[in-house]
Amino acid sequence: KAQREARQCDLMLIAGSSLEVLPVAGLPMQALDRGAHLIIINNTQTYLNVRADVTILEDVATILPAITERVLNG
């Protein structure tokens, strides 16, 4: 099911993954191959940072609550 969703998504958000363990590490490539946009939030580089539309090098435990707060409250 995850592979099917990856092939059909318009945007994939990767949060807190080094993208080093298969098969999950291959899901973003499936999305990119079909034209999806990619956002990566991780505290270290991944092999796909160069292909991502947005990369945020931060700890997800810190940055995701901050993003949520900003989206919900401006």
C-alpha atoms as a PDB file:
ATOM      1  CA  LYS A   1       0.000   0.000   0.000  1.00  0.00           C
ATOM      2  CA  ALA A   2       2.842   2.429   0.805  1.00  0.00           C
ATOM      3  CA  GLN A   3       4.389   1.855  -2.623  1.00  0.00           C
ATOM      4  CA  ARG A   4       1.071   2.516  -4.340  1.00  0.00           C
ATOM      5  CA  GLU A   5       0.586   5.714  -2.358  1.00  0.00           C
ATOM      6  CA  ALA A   6       4.146   6.834  -3.109  1.00  0.00           C
ATOM      7  CA  ARG A   7       3.500   6.424  -6.834  1.00  0.00           C
ATOM      8  CA  GLN A   8       0.291   8.459  -6.615  1.00  0.00           C
ATOM      9  CA  CYS A   9       1.238  11.341  -4.318  1.00  0.00           C
ATOM     10  CA  ASP A  10       1.870  14.931  -5.376  1.00  0.00           C
ATOM     11  CA  LEU A  11       3.981  15.728  -2.308  1.00  0.00           C
ATOM     12  CA  MET A  12       5.933  13.511   0.060  1.00  0.00           C
ATOM     13  CA  LEU A  13       7.127  14.679   3.462  1.00  0.00           C
ATOM     14  CA  ILE A  14      10.040  12.730   4.916  1.00  0.00           C
ATOM     15  CA  ALA A  15      10.410  13.496   8.617  1.00  0.00           C
ATOM     16  CA  GLY A  16      13.148  12.055  10.790  1.00  0.00           C
ATOM     17  CA  SER A  17      14.454   9.368   8.458  1.00  0.00           C
ATOM     18  CA  SER A  18      17.994   8.901   7.213  1.00  0.00           C
ATOM     19  CA  LEU A  19      16.557   6.988   4.226  1.00  0.00           C
ATOM     20  CA  GLU A  20      19.139   4.233   4.706  1.00  0.00           C
ATOM     21  CA  VAL A  21      16.915   1.184   5.252  1.00  0.00           C
ATOM     22  CA  LEU A  22      15.073  -0.511   2.406  1.00  0.00           C
ATOM     23  CA  PRO A  23      12.298  -0.806   1.391  1.00  0.00           C
ATOM     24  CA  VAL A  24      11.212   2.482   2.966  1.00  0.00           C
ATOM     25  CA  ALA A  25      14.262   4.309   1.595  1.00  0.00           C
ATOM     26  CA  GLY A  26      13.015   3.652  -1.938  1.00  0.00           C
ATOM     27  CA  LEU A  27       9.580   5.202  -1.482  1.00  0.00           C
ATOM     28  CA  PRO A  28      10.674   8.807  -2.119  1.00  0.00           C
ATOM     29  CA  MET A  29      12.315   7.782  -5.406  1.00  0.00           C
ATOM     30  CA  GLN A  30       9.046   6.224  -6.538  1.00  0.00           C
ATOM     31  CA  ALA A  31       7.301   9.523  -5.825  1.00  0.00           C
ATOM     32  CA  LEU A  32      10.003  11.614  -7.498  1.00  0.00           C
ATOM     33  CA  ASP A  33       9.997   9.402 -10.585  1.00  0.00           C
ATOM     34  CA  ARG A  34       6.335  10.303 -11.077  1.00  0.00           C
ATOM     35  CA  GLY A  35       6.823  14.043 -10.604  1.00  0.00           C
ATOM     36  CA  ALA A  36       5.988  14.470  -6.926  1.00  0.00           C
ATOM     37  CA  HIS A  37       7.570  17.168  -4.805  1.00  0.00           C
ATOM     38  CA  LEU A  38       9.686  16.191  -1.828  1.00  0.00           C
ATOM     39  CA  ILE A  39      10.239  17.839   1.555  1.00  0.00           C
ATOM     40  CA  ILE A  40      12.876  16.339   3.862  1.00  0.00           C
ATOM     41  CA  ILE A  41      13.126  17.225   7.545  1.00  0.00           C
ATOM     42  CA  ASN A  42      15.994  15.458   9.268  1.00  0.00           C
ATOM     43  CA  ASN A  43      18.911  16.377  11.486  1.00  0.00           C
ATOM     44  CA  THR A  44      21.410  14.809   9.047  1.00  0.00           C
ATOM     45  CA  GLN A  45      21.825  14.755   5.288  1.00  0.00           C
ATOM     46  CA  THR A  46      20.133  12.036   3.215  1.00  0.00           C
ATOM     47  CA  TYR A  47      20.947  10.750  -0.237  1.00  0.00           C
ATOM     48  CA  LEU A  48      17.919  12.624  -1.579  1.00  0.00           C
ATOM     49  CA  ASN A  49      18.579  16.099  -0.167  1.00  0.00           C
ATOM     50  CA  VAL A  50      19.858  17.195  -3.582  1.00  0.00           C
ATOM     51  CA  ARG A  51      16.557  16.128  -5.201  1.00  0.00           C
ATOM     52  CA  ALA A  52      14.239  17.613  -2.568  1.00  0.00           C
ATOM     53  CA  ASP A  53      12.290  20.803  -3.154  1.00  0.00           C
ATOM     54  CA  VAL A  54      12.787  21.741   0.496  1.00  0.00           C
ATOM     55  CA  THR A  55      15.255  20.430   3.067  1.00  0.00           C
ATOM     56  CA  ILE A  56      15.226  21.397   6.715  1.00  0.00           C
ATOM     57  CA  LEU A  57      18.241  20.228   8.715  1.00  0.00           C
ATOM     58  CA  GLU A  58      16.698  20.237  12.177  1.00  0.00           C
ATOM     59  CA  ASP A  59      15.503  17.781  14.794  1.00  0.00           C
ATOM     60  CA  VAL A  60      11.917  16.822  13.929  1.00  0.00           C
ATOM     61  CA  ALA A  61      10.961  16.879  17.611  1.00  0.00           C
ATOM     62  CA  THR A  62      11.725  20.595  17.611  1.00  0.00           C
ATOM     63  CA  ILE A  63      10.816  21.762  14.142  1.00  0.00           C
ATOM     64  CA  LEU A  64       7.522  19.935  13.510  1.00  0.00           C
ATOM     65  CA  PRO A  65       5.771  21.502  16.533  1.00  0.00           C
ATOM     66  CA  ALA A  66       7.119  24.911  15.444  1.00  0.00           C
ATOM     67  CA  ILE A  67       5.830  24.431  11.890  1.00  0.00           C
ATOM     68  CA  THR A  68       2.463  23.266  13.205  1.00  0.00           C
ATOM     69  CA  GLU A  69       2.181  26.275  15.491  1.00  0.00           C
ATOM     70  CA  ARG A  70       3.039  28.633  12.640  1.00  0.00           C
ATOM     71  CA  VAL A  71       0.537  27.035  10.257  1.00  0.00           C
ATOM     72  CA  LEU A  72      -2.280  26.998  12.793  1.00  0.00           C
ATOM     73  CA  ASN A  73      -1.674  30.377  14.402  1.00  0.00           C
ATOM     74  CA  GLY A  74       0.233  32.418  11.827  1.00  0.00           C
END
